[in-house]
Amino acid sequence: MCLGVPGKIIDRYEANGLPMGKIDFGGTVREACLAYVPEAVVGDYTVIHVGFAISRLSEEEAQATLETLRGIIELEEEIGPEHAEQG
C-alpha cells in the first residue's frame, strides 16, 4: 500500500535546480521535492509521497487526514499488528 502524508512547508529553497522544501510532519522534519507543486509556499500543507509533494491541501483537510492516520495507528496498537494484517 502506498501512502501520501500531509505536512506543512516550513522552508523553501532550490537544490540542484529543483524547488525543495523542509516539511514538518507534526514535529518530524523531512526534505521533499516541490517540483510538482511549484505554486506551494511556506505555510502551505502538501501531500508528500516518497519524497515528492504531489498536491496542496487546506489546513483543515490536512488536520482531518492526520487525525484519521492517528486513529489507524491507535487501532493497530490496540489490536496488534498481527491482526491488522489479516483480512
PDB file of N, CA and C in Angstrom:
ATOM      1  N   MET A   1       0.847  -1.178   0.000  1.00  0.00           N
ATOM      2  CA  MET A   1       0.000   0.000   0.000  1.00  0.00           C
ATOM      3  C   MET A   1       0.888   1.235   0.000  1.00  0.00           C
ATOM      4  N   CYS A   2       0.535   2.206  -0.785  1.00  0.00           N
ATOM      5  CA  CYS A   2       1.241   3.479  -0.823  1.00  0.00           C
ATOM      6  C   CYS A   2       0.456   4.499  -0.022  1.00  0.00           C
ATOM      7  N   LEU A   3       1.180   5.418   0.583  1.00  0.00           N
ATOM      8  CA  LEU A   3       0.523   6.384   1.442  1.00  0.00           C
ATOM      9  C   LEU A   3       1.143   7.758   1.241  1.00  0.00           C
ATOM     10  N   GLY A   4       0.313   8.740   1.002  1.00  0.00           N
ATOM     11  CA  GLY A   4       0.748  10.128   0.979  1.00  0.00           C
ATOM     12  C   GLY A   4       0.370  10.743   2.311  1.00  0.00           C
ATOM     13  N   VAL A   5       1.302  11.465   2.919  1.00  0.00           N
ATOM     14  CA  VAL A   5       1.087  12.018   4.252  1.00  0.00           C
ATOM     15  C   VAL A   5       1.133  13.539   4.186  1.00  0.00           C
ATOM     16  N   PRO A   6       0.169  14.219   4.814  1.00  0.00           N
ATOM     17  CA  PRO A   6       0.186  15.678   4.808  1.00  0.00           C
ATOM     18  C   PRO A   6       1.283  16.232   5.712  1.00  0.00           C
ATOM     19  N   GLY A   7       1.895  17.303   5.242  1.00  0.00           N
ATOM     20  CA  GLY A   7       2.892  18.015   6.027  1.00  0.00           C
ATOM     21  C   GLY A   7       2.863  19.481   5.669  1.00  0.00           C
ATOM     22  N   LYS A   8       3.460  20.295   6.544  1.00  0.00           N
ATOM     23  CA  LYS A   8       3.463  21.743   6.359  1.00  0.00           C
ATOM     24  C   LYS A   8       4.845  22.195   5.883  1.00  0.00           C
ATOM     25  N   ILE A   9       4.872  22.998   4.834  1.00  0.00           N
ATOM     26  CA  ILE A   9       6.133  23.532   4.328  1.00  0.00           C
ATOM     27  C   ILE A   9       6.620  24.600   5.304  1.00  0.00           C
ATOM     28  N   ILE A  10       7.825  24.376   5.850  1.00  0.00           N
ATOM     29  CA  ILE A  10       8.385  25.353   6.791  1.00  0.00           C
ATOM     30  C   ILE A  10       9.591  26.093   6.206  1.00  0.00           C
ATOM     31  N   ASP A  11      10.096  25.621   5.081  1.00  0.00           N
ATOM     32  CA  ASP A  11      11.196  26.295   4.393  1.00  0.00           C
ATOM     33  C   ASP A  11      11.141  25.884   2.931  1.00  0.00           C
ATOM     34  N   ARG A  12      11.511  26.805   2.073  1.00  0.00           N
ATOM     35  CA  ARG A  12      11.520  26.541   0.633  1.00  0.00           C
ATOM     36  C   ARG A  12      12.837  27.057   0.083  1.00  0.00           C
ATOM     37  N   TYR A  13      13.477  26.252  -0.783  1.00  0.00           N
ATOM     38  CA  TYR A  13      14.778  26.613  -1.329  1.00  0.00           C
ATOM     39  C   TYR A  13      15.006  25.841  -2.626  1.00  0.00           C
ATOM     40  N   GLU A  14      16.109  26.088  -3.272  1.00  0.00           N
ATOM     41  CA  GLU A  14      16.439  25.381  -4.503  1.00  0.00           C
ATOM     42  C   GLU A  14      17.694  24.545  -4.269  1.00  0.00           C
ATOM     43  N   ALA A  15      17.692  23.326  -4.802  1.00  0.00           N
ATOM     44  CA  ALA A  15      18.856  22.438  -4.720  1.00  0.00           C
ATOM     45  C   ALA A  15      19.005  21.724  -6.063  1.00  0.00           C
ATOM     46  N   ASN A  16      20.160  21.849  -6.659  1.00  0.00           N
ATOM     47  CA  ASN A  16      20.432  21.222  -7.960  1.00  0.00           C
ATOM     48  C   ASN A  16      19.383  21.593  -9.009  1.00  0.00           C
ATOM     49  N   GLY A  17      18.914  22.823  -8.967  1.00  0.00           N
ATOM     50  CA  GLY A  17      17.948  23.307  -9.942  1.00  0.00           C
ATOM     51  C   GLY A  17      16.505  22.910  -9.666  1.00  0.00           C
ATOM     52  N   LEU A  18      16.248  22.242  -8.535  1.00  0.00           N
ATOM     53  CA  LEU A  18      14.887  21.805  -8.198  1.00  0.00           C
ATOM     54  C   LEU A  18      14.350  22.575  -7.001  1.00  0.00           C
ATOM     55  N   PRO A  19      13.053  22.920  -7.041  1.00  0.00           N
ATOM     56  CA  PRO A  19      12.454  23.533  -5.849  1.00  0.00           C
ATOM     57  C   PRO A  19      12.298  22.467  -4.764  1.00  0.00           C
ATOM     58  N   MET A  20      12.801  22.770  -3.589  1.00  0.00           N
ATOM     59  CA  MET A  20      12.773  21.832  -2.473  1.00  0.00           C
ATOM     60  C   MET A  20      12.155  22.513  -1.266  1.00  0.00           C
ATOM     61  N   GLY A  21      11.761  21.703  -0.304  1.00  0.00           N
ATOM     62  CA  GLY A  21      11.210  22.252   0.919  1.00  0.00           C
ATOM     63  C   GLY A  21      11.508  21.376   2.110  1.00  0.00           C
ATOM     64  N   LYS A  22      11.515  22.011   3.266  1.00  0.00           N
ATOM     65  CA  LYS A  22      11.542  21.264   4.519  1.00  0.00           C
ATOM     66  C   LYS A  22      10.095  21.157   4.962  1.00  0.00           C
ATOM     67  N   ILE A  23       9.666  19.925   5.227  1.00  0.00           N
ATOM     68  CA  ILE A  23       8.270  19.653   5.525  1.00  0.00           C
ATOM     69  C   ILE A  23       8.157  19.157   6.961  1.00  0.00           C
ATOM     70  N   ASP A  24       7.256  19.775   7.719  1.00  0.00           N
ATOM     71  CA  ASP A  24       7.029  19.403   9.111  1.00  0.00           C
ATOM     72  C   ASP A  24       5.834  18.455   9.192  1.00  0.00           C
ATOM     73  N   PHE A  25       6.095  17.265   9.705  1.00  0.00           N
ATOM     74  CA  PHE A  25       5.054  16.260   9.923  1.00  0.00           C
ATOM     75  C   PHE A  25       4.771  16.156  11.418  1.00  0.00           C
ATOM     76  N   GLY A  26       4.300  17.225  12.019  1.00  0.00           N
ATOM     77  CA  GLY A  26       3.978  17.204  13.438  1.00  0.00           C
ATOM     78  C   GLY A  26       5.193  17.039  14.329  1.00  0.00           C
ATOM     79  N   GLY A  27       6.290  17.695  13.983  1.00  0.00           N
ATOM     80  CA  GLY A  27       7.494  17.630  14.791  1.00  0.00           C
ATOM     81  C   GLY A  27       8.646  16.906  14.131  1.00  0.00           C
ATOM     82  N   THR A  28       8.356  16.076  13.174  1.00  0.00           N
ATOM     83  CA  THR A  28       9.397  15.414  12.384  1.00  0.00           C
ATOM     84  C   THR A  28       9.544  16.193  11.081  1.00  0.00           C
ATOM     85  N   VAL A  29      10.767  16.621  10.774  1.00  0.00           N
ATOM     86  CA  VAL A  29      11.004  17.423   9.580  1.00  0.00           C
ATOM     87  C   VAL A  29      11.791  16.598   8.567  1.00  0.00           C
ATOM     88  N   ARG A  30      11.310  16.603   7.340  1.00  0.00           N
ATOM     89  CA  ARG A  30      11.960  15.890   6.242  1.00  0.00           C
ATOM     90  C   ARG A  30      12.025  16.821   5.033  1.00  0.00           C
ATOM     91  N   GLU A  31      12.914  16.489   4.113  1.00  0.00           N
ATOM     92  CA  GLU A  31      13.057  17.237   2.877  1.00  0.00           C
ATOM     93  C   GLU A  31      12.183  16.602   1.800  1.00  0.00           C
ATOM     94  N   ALA A  32      11.603  17.441   0.938  1.00  0.00           N
ATOM     95  CA  ALA A  32      10.792  16.934  -0.170  1.00  0.00           C
ATOM     96  C   ALA A  32      10.965  17.841  -1.375  1.00  0.00           C
ATOM     97  N   CYS A  33      10.823  17.251  -2.539  1.00  0.00           N
ATOM     98  CA  CYS A  33      10.869  17.995  -3.793  1.00  0.00           C
ATOM     99  C   CYS A  33       9.502  18.647  -4.025  1.00  0.00           C
ATOM    100  N   LEU A  34       9.515  19.916  -4.411  1.00  0.00           N
ATOM    101  CA  LEU A  34       8.269  20.659  -4.638  1.00  0.00           C
ATOM    102  C   LEU A  34       7.990  20.904  -6.126  1.00  0.00           C
ATOM    103  N   ALA A  35       8.683  20.194  -7.013  1.00  0.00           N
ATOM    104  CA  ALA A  35       8.547  20.435  -8.451  1.00  0.00           C
ATOM    105  C   ALA A  35       7.121  20.229  -8.958  1.00  0.00           C
ATOM    106  N   TYR A  36       6.376  19.300  -8.353  1.00  0.00           N
ATOM    107  CA  TYR A  36       5.008  19.029  -8.818  1.00  0.00           C
ATOM    108  C   TYR A  36       3.992  20.035  -8.294  1.00  0.00           C
ATOM    109  N   VAL A  37       4.396  20.861  -7.335  1.00  0.00           N
ATOM    110  CA  VAL A  37       3.511  21.904  -6.789  1.00  0.00           C
ATOM    111  C   VAL A  37       4.284  23.226  -6.741  1.00  0.00           C
ATOM    112  N   PRO A  38       4.644  23.751  -7.909  1.00  0.00           N
ATOM    113  CA  PRO A  38       5.500  24.950  -7.937  1.00  0.00           C
ATOM    114  C   PRO A  38       4.863  26.171  -7.274  1.00  0.00           C
ATOM    115  N   GLU A  39       3.546  26.173  -7.152  1.00  0.00           N
ATOM    116  CA  GLU A  39       2.860  27.307  -6.538  1.00  0.00           C
ATOM    117  C   GLU A  39       2.870  27.255  -5.007  1.00  0.00           C
ATOM    118  N   ALA A  40       3.335  26.148  -4.428  1.00  0.00           N
ATOM    119  CA  ALA A  40       3.341  25.977  -2.973  1.00  0.00           C
ATOM    120  C   ALA A  40       4.341  26.929  -2.319  1.00  0.00           C
ATOM    121  N   VAL A  41       3.930  27.498  -1.191  1.00  0.00           N
ATOM    122  CA  VAL A  41       4.761  28.447  -0.454  1.00  0.00           C
ATOM    123  C   VAL A  41       4.869  28.005   1.004  1.00  0.00           C
ATOM    124  N   VAL A  42       5.807  28.623   1.720  1.00  0.00           N
ATOM    125  CA  VAL A  42       5.955  28.351   3.152  1.00  0.00           C
ATOM    126  C   VAL A  42       4.614  28.590   3.837  1.00  0.00           C
ATOM    127  N   GLY A  43       4.205  27.638   4.657  1.00  0.00           N
ATOM    128  CA  GLY A  43       2.922  27.721   5.346  1.00  0.00           C
ATOM    129  C   GLY A  43       1.852  26.847   4.722  1.00  0.00           C
ATOM    130  N   ASP A  44       2.040  26.467   3.448  1.00  0.00           N
ATOM    131  CA  ASP A  44       1.079  25.581   2.784  1.00  0.00           C
ATOM    132  C   ASP A  44       1.221  24.161   3.300  1.00  0.00           C
ATOM    133  N   TYR A  45       0.124  23.426   3.242  1.00  0.00           N
ATOM    134  CA  TYR A  45       0.139  21.992   3.527  1.00  0.00           C
ATOM    135  C   TYR A  45       0.166  21.253   2.196  1.00  0.00           C
ATOM    136  N   THR A  46       0.963  20.201   2.146  1.00  0.00           N
ATOM    137  CA  THR A  46       1.071  19.403   0.941  1.00  0.00           C
ATOM    138  C   THR A  46       0.991  17.928   1.300  1.00  0.00           C
ATOM    139  N   VAL A  47       0.612  17.126   0.325  1.00  0.00           N
ATOM    140  CA  VAL A  47       0.647  15.672   0.495  1.00  0.00           C
ATOM    141  C   VAL A  47       1.999  15.217  -0.031  1.00  0.00           C
ATOM    142  N   ILE A  48       2.753  14.517   0.806  1.00  0.00           N
ATOM    143  CA  ILE A  48       4.084  14.043   0.443  1.00  0.00           C
ATOM    144  C   ILE A  48       4.024  12.538   0.218  1.00  0.00           C
ATOM    145  N   HIS A  49       4.567  12.116  -0.920  1.00  0.00           N
ATOM    146  CA  HIS A  49       4.642  10.690  -1.249  1.00  0.00           C
ATOM    147  C   HIS A  49       6.040  10.409  -1.774  1.00  0.00           C
ATOM    148  N   VAL A  50       6.739   9.507  -1.140  1.00  0.00           N
ATOM    149  CA  VAL A  50       8.116   9.110  -1.468  1.00  0.00           C
ATOM    150  C   VAL A  50       9.024  10.304  -1.788  1.00  0.00           C
ATOM    151  N   GLY A  51       8.960  11.332  -0.949  1.00  0.00           N
ATOM    152  CA  GLY A  51       9.858  12.467  -1.080  1.00  0.00           C
ATOM    153  C   GLY A  51       9.430  13.550  -2.045  1.00  0.00           C
ATOM    154  N   PHE A  52       8.216  13.442  -2.582  1.00  0.00           N
ATOM    155  CA  PHE A  52       7.699  14.446  -3.507  1.00  0.00           C
ATOM    156  C   PHE A  52       6.377  14.995  -3.000  1.00  0.00           C
ATOM    157  N   ALA A  53       6.237  16.313  -3.039  1.00  0.00           N
ATOM    158  CA  ALA A  53       4.944  16.937  -2.770  1.00  0.00           C
ATOM    159  C   ALA A  53       4.101  16.732  -4.019  1.00  0.00           C
ATOM    160  N   ILE A  54       2.938  16.098  -3.868  1.00  0.00           N
ATOM    161  CA  ILE A  54       2.131  15.782  -5.054  1.00  0.00           C
ATOM    162  C   ILE A  54       0.866  16.616  -5.162  1.00  0.00           C
ATOM    163  N   SER A  55       0.484  17.302  -4.080  1.00  0.00           N
ATOM    164  CA  SER A  55      -0.669  18.194  -4.151  1.00  0.00           C
ATOM    165  C   SER A  55      -0.688  19.091  -2.924  1.00  0.00           C
ATOM    166  N   ARG A  56      -1.389  20.211  -3.065  1.00  0.00           N
ATOM    167  CA  ARG A  56      -1.616  21.104  -1.923  1.00  0.00           C
ATOM    168  C   ARG A  56      -2.972  20.775  -1.335  1.00  0.00           C
ATOM    169  N   LEU A  57      -3.145  21.084  -0.058  1.00  0.00           N
ATOM    170  CA  LEU A  57      -4.446  20.929   0.564  1.00  0.00           C
ATOM    171  C   LEU A  57      -4.584  21.950   1.671  1.00  0.00           C
ATOM    172  N   SER A  58      -5.811  22.171   2.089  1.00  0.00           N
ATOM    173  CA  SER A  58      -6.068  23.155   3.135  1.00  0.00           C
ATOM    174  C   SER A  58      -5.614  22.611   4.481  1.00  0.00           C
ATOM    175  N   GLU A  59      -5.438  23.502   5.421  1.00  0.00           N
ATOM    176  CA  GLU A  59      -5.068  23.079   6.778  1.00  0.00           C
ATOM    177  C   GLU A  59      -6.143  22.169   7.362  1.00  0.00           C
ATOM    178  N   GLU A  60      -7.404  22.447   7.072  1.00  0.00           N
ATOM    179  CA  GLU A  60      -8.499  21.625   7.582  1.00  0.00           C
ATOM    180  C   GLU A  60      -8.419  20.204   7.029  1.00  0.00           C
ATOM    181  N   GLU A  61      -8.161  20.091   5.719  1.00  0.00           N
ATOM    182  CA  GLU A  61      -8.013  18.764   5.101  1.00  0.00           C
ATOM    183  C   GLU A  61      -6.813  18.025   5.680  1.00  0.00           C
ATOM    184  N   ALA A  62      -5.711  18.751   5.867  1.00  0.00           N
ATOM    185  CA  ALA A  62      -4.501  18.134   6.432  1.00  0.00           C
ATOM    186  C   ALA A  62      -4.768  17.617   7.834  1.00  0.00           C
ATOM    187  N   GLN A  63      -5.412  18.420   8.673  1.00  0.00           N
ATOM    188  CA  GLN A  63      -5.677  18.012  10.054  1.00  0.00           C
ATOM    189  C   GLN A  63      -6.636  16.822  10.104  1.00  0.00           C
ATOM    190  N   ALA A  64      -7.637  16.815   9.240  1.00  0.00           N
ATOM    191  CA  ALA A  64      -8.578  15.689   9.204  1.00  0.00           C
ATOM    192  C   ALA A  64      -7.867  14.404   8.797  1.00  0.00           C
ATOM    193  N   THR A  65      -6.994  14.488   7.806  1.00  0.00           N
ATOM    194  CA  THR A  65      -6.242  13.312   7.371  1.00  0.00           C
ATOM    195  C   THR A  65      -5.309  12.829   8.465  1.00  0.00           C
ATOM    196  N   LEU A  66      -4.615  13.756   9.122  1.00  0.00           N
ATOM    197  CA  LEU A  66      -3.714  13.369  10.217  1.00  0.00           C
ATOM    198  C   LEU A  66      -4.480  12.713  11.361  1.00  0.00           C
ATOM    199  N   GLU A  67      -5.671  13.200  11.645  1.00  0.00           N
ATOM    200  CA  GLU A  67      -6.493  12.592  12.695  1.00  0.00           C
ATOM    201  C   GLU A  67      -6.880  11.162  12.314  1.00  0.00           C
ATOM    202  N   THR A  68      -7.220  10.948  11.055  1.00  0.00           N
ATOM    203  CA  THR A  68      -7.538   9.597  10.584  1.00  0.00           C
ATOM    204  C   THR A  68      -6.329   8.684  10.722  1.00  0.00           C
ATOM    205  N   LEU A  69      -5.159   9.172  10.336  1.00  0.00           N
ATOM    206  CA  LEU A  69      -3.936   8.375  10.462  1.00  0.00           C
ATOM    207  C   LEU A  69      -3.638   8.037  11.922  1.00  0.00           C
ATOM    208  N   ARG A  70      -3.845   9.006  12.819  1.00  0.00           N
ATOM    209  CA  ARG A  70      -3.645   8.733  14.256  1.00  0.00           C
ATOM    210  C   ARG A  70      -4.597   7.639  14.730  1.00  0.00           C
ATOM    211  N   GLY A  71      -5.825   7.679  14.253  1.00  0.00           N
ATOM    212  CA  GLY A  71      -6.804   6.656  14.626  1.00  0.00           C
ATOM    213  C   GLY A  71      -6.391   5.274  14.144  1.00  0.00           C
ATOM    214  N   ILE A  72      -5.838   5.194  12.952  1.00  0.00           N
ATOM    215  CA  ILE A  72      -5.362   3.914  12.419  1.00  0.00           C
ATOM    216  C   ILE A  72      -4.221   3.386  13.280  1.00  0.00           C
ATOM    217  N   ILE A  73      -3.300   4.262  13.635  1.00  0.00           N
ATOM    218  CA  ILE A  73      -2.165   3.849  14.472  1.00  0.00           C
ATOM    219  C   ILE A  73      -2.652   3.369  15.836  1.00  0.00           C
ATOM    220  N   GLU A  74      -3.585   4.101  16.434  1.00  0.00           N
ATOM    221  CA  GLU A  74      -4.123   3.707  17.738  1.00  0.00           C
ATOM    222  C   GLU A  74      -4.830   2.361  17.648  1.00  0.00           C
ATOM    223  N   LEU A  75      -5.578   2.143  16.581  1.00  0.00           N
ATOM    224  CA  LEU A  75      -6.282   0.873  16.401  1.00  0.00           C
ATOM    225  C   LEU A  75      -5.288  -0.269  16.262  1.00  0.00           C
ATOM    226  N   GLU A  76      -4.245  -0.066  15.466  1.00  0.00           N
ATOM    227  CA  GLU A  76      -3.237  -1.105  15.295  1.00  0.00           C
ATOM    228  C   GLU A  76      -2.554  -1.418  16.622  1.00  0.00           C
ATOM    229  N   GLU A  77      -2.275  -0.398  17.413  1.00  0.00           N
ATOM    230  CA  GLU A  77      -1.659  -0.621  18.718  1.00  0.00           C
ATOM    231  C   GLU A  77      -2.595  -1.396  19.638  1.00  0.00           C
ATOM    232  N   GLU A  78      -3.883  -1.114  19.528  1.00  0.00           N
ATOM    233  CA  GLU A  78      -4.878  -1.770  20.377  1.00  0.00           C
ATOM    234  C   GLU A  78      -5.074  -3.237  20.014  1.00  0.00           C
ATOM    235  N   ILE A  79      -5.173  -3.525  18.705  1.00  0.00           N
ATOM    236  CA  ILE A  79      -5.457  -4.906  18.293  1.00  0.00           C
ATOM    237  C   ILE A  79      -4.197  -5.698  17.961  1.00  0.00           C
ATOM    238  N   GLY A  80      -3.076  -4.997  17.779  1.00  0.00           N
ATOM    239  CA  GLY A  80      -1.826  -5.662  17.446  1.00  0.00           C
ATOM    240  C   GLY A  80      -1.656  -5.781  15.953  1.00  0.00           C
ATOM    241  N   PRO A  81      -0.433  -5.619  15.469  1.00  0.00           N
ATOM    242  CA  PRO A  81      -0.193  -5.634  14.020  1.00  0.00           C
ATOM    243  C   PRO A  81      -0.504  -6.978  13.382  1.00  0.00           C
ATOM    244  N   GLU A  82      -0.397  -8.082  14.125  1.00  0.00           N
ATOM    245  CA  GLU A  82      -0.690  -9.388  13.519  1.00  0.00           C
ATOM    246  C   GLU A  82      -2.159  -9.511  13.124  1.00  0.00           C
ATOM    247  N   HIS A  83      -3.056  -8.840  13.836  1.00  0.00           N
ATOM    248  CA  HIS A  83      -4.484  -8.865  13.482  1.00  0.00           C
ATOM    249  C   HIS A  83      -4.800  -7.856  12.370  1.00  0.00           C
ATOM    250  N   ALA A  84      -4.063  -6.757  12.320  1.00  0.00           N
ATOM    251  CA  ALA A  84      -4.317  -5.730  11.313  1.00  0.00           C
ATOM    252  C   ALA A  84      -3.956  -6.232   9.917  1.00  0.00           C
ATOM    253  N   GLU A  85      -3.009  -7.169   9.813  1.00  0.00           N
ATOM    254  CA  GLU A  85      -2.577  -7.669   8.507  1.00  0.00           C
ATOM    255  C   GLU A  85      -3.546  -8.691   7.929  1.00  0.00           C
ATOM    256  N   GLN A  86      -4.383  -9.278   8.749  1.00  0.00           N
ATOM    257  CA  GLN A  86      -5.347 -10.257   8.260  1.00  0.00           C
ATOM    258  C   GLN A  86      -6.528  -9.550   7.624  1.00  0.00           C
ATOM    259  N   GLY A  87      -7.160 -10.191   6.685  1.00  0.00           N
ATOM    260  CA  GLY A  87      -8.371  -9.599   6.162  1.00  0.00           C
ATOM    261  C   GLY A  87      -8.393  -9.462   4.756  1.00  0.00           C
TER     262      GLY A  87
END
